[in-house]
Amino acid sequence: MSKRSPGKFEKIPNDLYRTWDARAVARLLPHLMPGTVFVEPCAGAGDLVDQLVMAGHRCLAAYDIAPLRADIQRADALDHRWKTSTGLWITNPPWTRSIMHAIIKTLCVQAPIWLLFDADWVHCDQAVPYLIYLRKIVSVGRLKFIPNSPHDGNDNCAWHLFDGTRPPGSIEFFGRR
């Protein structure tokens, strides 16, 4: 039996699965320094930005290829160049692998990046080229990405910290408690 239901649900255009489930941010907060400065490269409607700002962090900029509010700039994360020693990228990226992998490769060499996506990814061969950048995995569990759905999604999620600004090191894992 598969946890996927092909054909049962239509994919949302641009993988716009909003990060409005507060459980995702709650699991990330203990891993951020107080007052963390961040850029959100796949901001969508700004749900993740709003939650992080409410928790005391500072959003330097928010981008999306199709922004859903005026304070989010129209830009493609793969075209952006931003380097700083004081900030991070934080995002729930599109889970389409070709896009997600390009985001990892492009952004983690500019600044560390926290990405929220399915926890199974790390166990697949496709992850191997990116594991040299992976520093932390923070288990989140299943989240609700579809508004008004009575159920959480089918995938367990995790925050993944990639950092190509430092030499490769060990990967820390933080399970659910």
C-alpha atoms as a PDB file:
ATOM      1  CA  MET A   1       0.000   0.000   0.000  1.00  0.00           C
ATOM      2  CA  SER A   2       1.358   3.419  -0.931  1.00  0.00           C
ATOM      3  CA  LYS A   3       0.998   6.621   1.065  1.00  0.00           C
ATOM      4  CA  ARG A   4       0.511   8.434  -2.253  1.00  0.00           C
ATOM      5  CA  SER A   5      -2.827   8.761  -3.991  1.00  0.00           C
ATOM      6  CA  PRO A   6      -2.008   9.393  -7.670  1.00  0.00           C
ATOM      7  CA  GLY A   7      -4.752  11.254  -9.474  1.00  0.00           C
ATOM      8  CA  LYS A   8      -6.795  11.794  -6.317  1.00  0.00           C
ATOM      9  CA  PHE A   9      -5.498  15.278  -5.562  1.00  0.00           C
ATOM     10  CA  GLU A  10      -4.450  17.923  -8.060  1.00  0.00           C
ATOM     11  CA  LYS A  11      -1.072  19.531  -7.467  1.00  0.00           C
ATOM     12  CA  ILE A  12      -1.177  23.186  -6.454  1.00  0.00           C
ATOM     13  CA  PRO A  13       0.559  25.388  -9.082  1.00  0.00           C
ATOM     14  CA  ASN A  14       4.151  26.415  -8.238  1.00  0.00           C
ATOM     15  CA  ASP A  15       4.112  24.015  -5.246  1.00  0.00           C
ATOM     16  CA  LEU A  16       2.462  26.777  -3.183  1.00  0.00           C
ATOM     17  CA  TYR A  17       1.819  24.764  -0.043  1.00  0.00           C
ATOM     18  CA  ARG A  18       1.632  27.489   2.583  1.00  0.00           C
ATOM     19  CA  THR A  19       3.519  27.264   5.870  1.00  0.00           C
ATOM     20  CA  TRP A  20       0.649  28.342   8.063  1.00  0.00           C
ATOM     21  CA  ASP A  21       0.891  25.305  10.385  1.00  0.00           C
ATOM     22  CA  ALA A  22       2.605  26.778  13.463  1.00  0.00           C
ATOM     23  CA  ARG A  23       4.044  23.373  14.425  1.00  0.00           C
ATOM     24  CA  ALA A  24       6.678  23.802  11.697  1.00  0.00           C
ATOM     25  CA  VAL A  25       8.068  27.056  13.084  1.00  0.00           C
ATOM     26  CA  ALA A  26       7.793  25.866  16.690  1.00  0.00           C
ATOM     27  CA  ARG A  27      10.274  23.068  15.932  1.00  0.00           C
ATOM     28  CA  LEU A  28      12.733  25.466  14.240  1.00  0.00           C
ATOM     29  CA  LEU A  29      12.782  28.224  16.871  1.00  0.00           C
ATOM     30  CA  PRO A  30      15.101  26.457  19.379  1.00  0.00           C
ATOM     31  CA  HIS A  31      17.716  26.197  16.605  1.00  0.00           C
ATOM     32  CA  LEU A  32      17.786  29.915  15.803  1.00  0.00           C
ATOM     33  CA  MET A  33      19.799  32.512  17.690  1.00  0.00           C
ATOM     34  CA  PRO A  34      17.669  35.249  19.281  1.00  0.00           C
ATOM     35  CA  GLY A  35      17.020  38.035  16.766  1.00  0.00           C
ATOM     36  CA  THR A  36      18.152  35.980  13.767  1.00  0.00           C
ATOM     37  CA  VAL A  37      18.306  38.009  10.546  1.00  0.00           C
ATOM     38  CA  PHE A  38      16.896  36.027   7.627  1.00  0.00           C
ATOM     39  CA  VAL A  39      15.815  36.189   4.001  1.00  0.00           C
ATOM     40  CA  GLU A  40      12.803  34.184   2.789  1.00  0.00           C
ATOM     41  CA  PRO A  41      13.423  33.266  -0.885  1.00  0.00           C
ATOM     42  CA  CYS A  42      10.128  31.372  -1.491  1.00  0.00           C
ATOM     43  CA  ALA A  43       7.815  33.515   0.618  1.00  0.00           C
ATOM     44  CA  GLY A  44       4.475  32.945  -1.130  1.00  0.00           C
ATOM     45  CA  ALA A  45       1.921  34.635   1.130  1.00  0.00           C
ATOM     46  CA  GLY A  46       4.440  35.398   3.887  1.00  0.00           C
ATOM     47  CA  ASP A  47       3.137  32.899   6.461  1.00  0.00           C
ATOM     48  CA  LEU A  48       6.617  31.743   7.484  1.00  0.00           C
ATOM     49  CA  VAL A  49       7.926  35.336   7.578  1.00  0.00           C
ATOM     50  CA  ASP A  50       5.085  36.444   9.846  1.00  0.00           C
ATOM     51  CA  GLN A  51       5.606  33.599  12.315  1.00  0.00           C
ATOM     52  CA  LEU A  52       9.368  34.149  12.513  1.00  0.00           C
ATOM     53  CA  VAL A  53       8.989  37.916  12.963  1.00  0.00           C
ATOM     54  CA  MET A  54       6.377  37.341  15.708  1.00  0.00           C
ATOM     55  CA  ALA A  55       8.974  35.138  17.428  1.00  0.00           C
ATOM     56  CA  GLY A  56      11.465  38.036  17.483  1.00  0.00           C
ATOM     57  CA  HIS A  57      13.475  37.419  14.314  1.00  0.00           C
ATOM     58  CA  ARG A  58      14.145  40.014  11.606  1.00  0.00           C
ATOM     59  CA  CYS A  59      13.266  39.510   7.958  1.00  0.00           C
ATOM     60  CA  LEU A  60      15.782  41.332   5.781  1.00  0.00           C
ATOM     61  CA  ALA A  61      13.829  40.545   2.588  1.00  0.00           C
ATOM     62  CA  ALA A  62      11.178  38.199   1.216  1.00  0.00           C
ATOM     63  CA  TYR A  63      10.991  37.010  -2.400  1.00  0.00           C
ATOM     64  CA  ASP A  64       8.773  34.787  -4.509  1.00  0.00           C
ATOM     65  CA  ILE A  65       8.259  34.127  -8.226  1.00  0.00           C
ATOM     66  CA  ALA A  66       4.559  34.941  -7.697  1.00  0.00           C
ATOM     67  CA  PRO A  67       4.253  36.979  -4.475  1.00  0.00           C
ATOM     68  CA  LEU A  68       0.865  36.987  -2.791  1.00  0.00           C
ATOM     69  CA  ARG A  69       1.248  40.274  -0.936  1.00  0.00           C
ATOM     70  CA  ALA A  70       2.799  43.689  -1.564  1.00  0.00           C
ATOM     71  CA  ASP A  71       5.744  43.438   0.865  1.00  0.00           C
ATOM     72  CA  ILE A  72       7.122  40.344  -0.894  1.00  0.00           C
ATOM     73  CA  GLN A  73       9.353  41.190  -3.864  1.00  0.00           C
ATOM     74  CA  ARG A  74       8.975  39.372  -7.175  1.00  0.00           C
ATOM     75  CA  ALA A  75      12.206  37.434  -7.742  1.00  0.00           C
ATOM     76  CA  ASP A  76      13.418  33.937  -8.516  1.00  0.00           C
ATOM     77  CA  ALA A  77      15.476  32.427  -5.685  1.00  0.00           C
ATOM     78  CA  LEU A  78      17.786  30.876  -8.270  1.00  0.00           C
ATOM     79  CA  ASP A  79      18.690  34.282  -9.699  1.00  0.00           C
ATOM     80  CA  HIS A  80      19.348  35.994  -6.390  1.00  0.00           C
ATOM     81  CA  ARG A  81      22.805  36.593  -4.960  1.00  0.00           C
ATOM     82  CA  TRP A  82      23.055  37.543  -1.311  1.00  0.00           C
ATOM     83  CA  LYS A  83      26.045  37.105   0.939  1.00  0.00           C
ATOM     84  CA  THR A  84      26.264  37.988   4.595  1.00  0.00           C
ATOM     85  CA  SER A  85      28.007  36.684   7.646  1.00  0.00           C
ATOM     86  CA  THR A  86      25.081  37.657   9.870  1.00  0.00           C
ATOM     87  CA  GLY A  87      22.033  36.072   8.276  1.00  0.00           C
ATOM     88  CA  LEU A  88      20.349  32.937   7.043  1.00  0.00           C
ATOM     89  CA  TRP A  89      17.967  31.851   4.345  1.00  0.00           C
ATOM     90  CA  ILE A  90      14.816  30.235   5.794  1.00  0.00           C
ATOM     91  CA  THR A  91      12.101  28.772   3.555  1.00  0.00           C
ATOM     92  CA  ASN A  92       9.577  26.076   2.756  1.00  0.00           C
ATOM     93  CA  PRO A  93      10.759  25.549  -0.845  1.00  0.00           C
ATOM     94  CA  PRO A  94       8.922  23.931  -3.727  1.00  0.00           C
ATOM     95  CA  TRP A  95       9.281  20.182  -3.190  1.00  0.00           C
ATOM     96  CA  THR A  96       9.687  19.500  -6.915  1.00  0.00           C
ATOM     97  CA  ARG A  97      13.126  17.930  -6.745  1.00  0.00           C
ATOM     98  CA  SER A  98      14.746  19.744  -9.664  1.00  0.00           C
ATOM     99  CA  ILE A  99      13.788  23.116  -8.152  1.00  0.00           C
ATOM    100  CA  MET A 100      14.539  22.165  -4.552  1.00  0.00           C
ATOM    101  CA  HIS A 101      17.964  20.776  -5.445  1.00  0.00           C
ATOM    102  CA  ALA A 102      18.814  23.895  -7.444  1.00  0.00           C
ATOM    103  CA  ILE A 103      17.820  26.063  -4.465  1.00  0.00           C
ATOM    104  CA  ILE A 104      20.062  24.045  -2.138  1.00  0.00           C
ATOM    105  CA  LYS A 105      23.018  24.242  -4.525  1.00  0.00           C
ATOM    106  CA  THR A 106      22.574  27.942  -5.321  1.00  0.00           C
ATOM    107  CA  LEU A 107      21.747  29.381  -1.904  1.00  0.00           C
ATOM    108  CA  CYS A 108      23.711  27.316   0.638  1.00  0.00           C
ATOM    109  CA  VAL A 109      27.024  28.587  -0.734  1.00  0.00           C
ATOM    110  CA  GLN A 110      25.871  32.178  -0.169  1.00  0.00           C
ATOM    111  CA  ALA A 111      24.630  31.729   3.423  1.00  0.00           C
ATOM    112  CA  PRO A 112      23.342  28.845   5.538  1.00  0.00           C
ATOM    113  CA  ILE A 113      19.782  27.837   4.599  1.00  0.00           C
ATOM    114  CA  TRP A 114      17.027  26.155   6.578  1.00  0.00           C
ATOM    115  CA  LEU A 115      14.630  24.265   4.304  1.00  0.00           C
ATOM    116  CA  LEU A 116      11.372  22.602   5.351  1.00  0.00           C
ATOM    117  CA  PHE A 117      10.561  19.523   3.283  1.00  0.00           C
ATOM    118  CA  ASP A 118       9.830  15.811   3.528  1.00  0.00           C
ATOM    119  CA  ALA A 119      11.988  13.834   5.930  1.00  0.00           C
ATOM    120  CA  ASP A 120      12.258  10.836   3.573  1.00  0.00           C
ATOM    121  CA  TRP A 121      14.461  12.798   1.153  1.00  0.00           C
ATOM    122  CA  VAL A 122      17.639  12.218   3.141  1.00  0.00           C
ATOM    123  CA  HIS A 123      17.267   8.437   2.678  1.00  0.00           C
ATOM    124  CA  CYS A 124      17.181   8.547  -1.139  1.00  0.00           C
ATOM    125  CA  ASP A 125      20.031   8.381  -3.640  1.00  0.00           C
ATOM    126  CA  GLN A 126      19.041  11.808  -4.987  1.00  0.00           C
ATOM    127  CA  ALA A 127      20.164  13.350  -1.656  1.00  0.00           C
ATOM    128  CA  VAL A 128      23.755  12.102  -1.909  1.00  0.00           C
ATOM    129  CA  PRO A 129      25.236  15.088  -3.838  1.00  0.00           C
ATOM    130  CA  TYR A 130      23.799  17.519  -1.261  1.00  0.00           C
ATOM    131  CA  LEU A 131      24.712  15.698   1.947  1.00  0.00           C
ATOM    132  CA  ILE A 132      28.146  17.386   2.059  1.00  0.00           C
ATOM    133  CA  TYR A 133      26.256  20.621   2.810  1.00  0.00           C
ATOM    134  CA  LEU A 134      23.770  19.165   5.321  1.00  0.00           C
ATOM    135  CA  ARG A 135      24.503  20.133   8.943  1.00  0.00           C
ATOM    136  CA  LYS A 136      21.261  19.561  10.898  1.00  0.00           C
ATOM    137  CA  ILE A 137      17.961  17.740  10.583  1.00  0.00           C
ATOM    138  CA  VAL A 138      15.132  18.768  12.901  1.00  0.00           C
ATOM    139  CA  SER A 139      12.186  16.386  12.828  1.00  0.00           C
ATOM    140  CA  VAL A 140       8.768  18.054  12.635  1.00  0.00           C
ATOM    141  CA  GLY A 141       6.342  15.247  11.794  1.00  0.00           C
ATOM    142  CA  ARG A 142       3.274  15.568   9.605  1.00  0.00           C
ATOM    143  CA  LEU A 143       1.952  19.045   8.877  1.00  0.00           C
ATOM    144  CA  LYS A 144      -1.257  20.428   7.462  1.00  0.00           C
ATOM    145  CA  PHE A 145      -0.538  22.265   4.180  1.00  0.00           C
ATOM    146  CA  ILE A 146      -4.065  22.262   2.752  1.00  0.00           C
ATOM    147  CA  PRO A 147      -6.335  24.832   4.439  1.00  0.00           C
ATOM    148  CA  ASN A 148      -9.570  23.433   5.898  1.00  0.00           C
ATOM    149  CA  SER A 149      -8.349  19.862   5.441  1.00  0.00           C
ATOM    150  CA  PRO A 150      -9.345  17.601   8.313  1.00  0.00           C
ATOM    151  CA  HIS A 151      -6.037  15.711   7.967  1.00  0.00           C
ATOM    152  CA  ASP A 152      -2.320  16.355   8.119  1.00  0.00           C
ATOM    153  CA  GLY A 153      -0.293  15.613   4.996  1.00  0.00           C
ATOM    154  CA  ASN A 154       1.030  12.172   4.053  1.00  0.00           C
ATOM    155  CA  ASP A 155       4.702  13.058   4.500  1.00  0.00           C
ATOM    156  CA  ASN A 156       6.696  13.480   7.674  1.00  0.00           C
ATOM    157  CA  CYS A 157       8.545  16.782   7.458  1.00  0.00           C
ATOM    158  CA  ALA A 158      11.832  18.043   8.811  1.00  0.00           C
ATOM    159  CA  TRP A 159      13.867  21.209   8.785  1.00  0.00           C
ATOM    160  CA  HIS A 160      17.193  20.672   6.997  1.00  0.00           C
ATOM    161  CA  LEU A 161      20.093  23.089   7.541  1.00  0.00           C
ATOM    162  CA  PHE A 162      22.482  23.264   4.589  1.00  0.00           C
ATOM    163  CA  ASP A 163      25.706  25.264   4.822  1.00  0.00           C
ATOM    164  CA  GLY A 164      28.150  25.432   1.935  1.00  0.00           C
ATOM    165  CA  THR A 165      30.048  28.310   3.536  1.00  0.00           C
ATOM    166  CA  ARG A 166      31.947  25.911   5.840  1.00  0.00           C
ATOM    167  CA  PRO A 167      33.883  22.703   5.222  1.00  0.00           C
ATOM    168  CA  PRO A 168      31.792  19.499   5.383  1.00  0.00           C
ATOM    169  CA  GLY A 169      31.108  18.173   8.859  1.00  0.00           C
ATOM    170  CA  SER A 170      28.863  15.805  10.724  1.00  0.00           C
ATOM    171  CA  ILE A 171      25.070  15.936  10.548  1.00  0.00           C
ATOM    172  CA  GLU A 172      23.189  16.550  13.805  1.00  0.00           C
ATOM    173  CA  PHE A 173      19.755  15.001  14.174  1.00  0.00           C
ATOM    174  CA  PHE A 174      17.062  16.335  16.478  1.00  0.00           C
ATOM    175  CA  GLY A 175      14.081  14.006  16.842  1.00  0.00           C
ATOM    176  CA  ARG A 176      10.650  14.831  18.147  1.00  0.00           C
ATOM    177  CA  ARG A 177      10.133  14.740  21.878  1.00  0.00           C
END
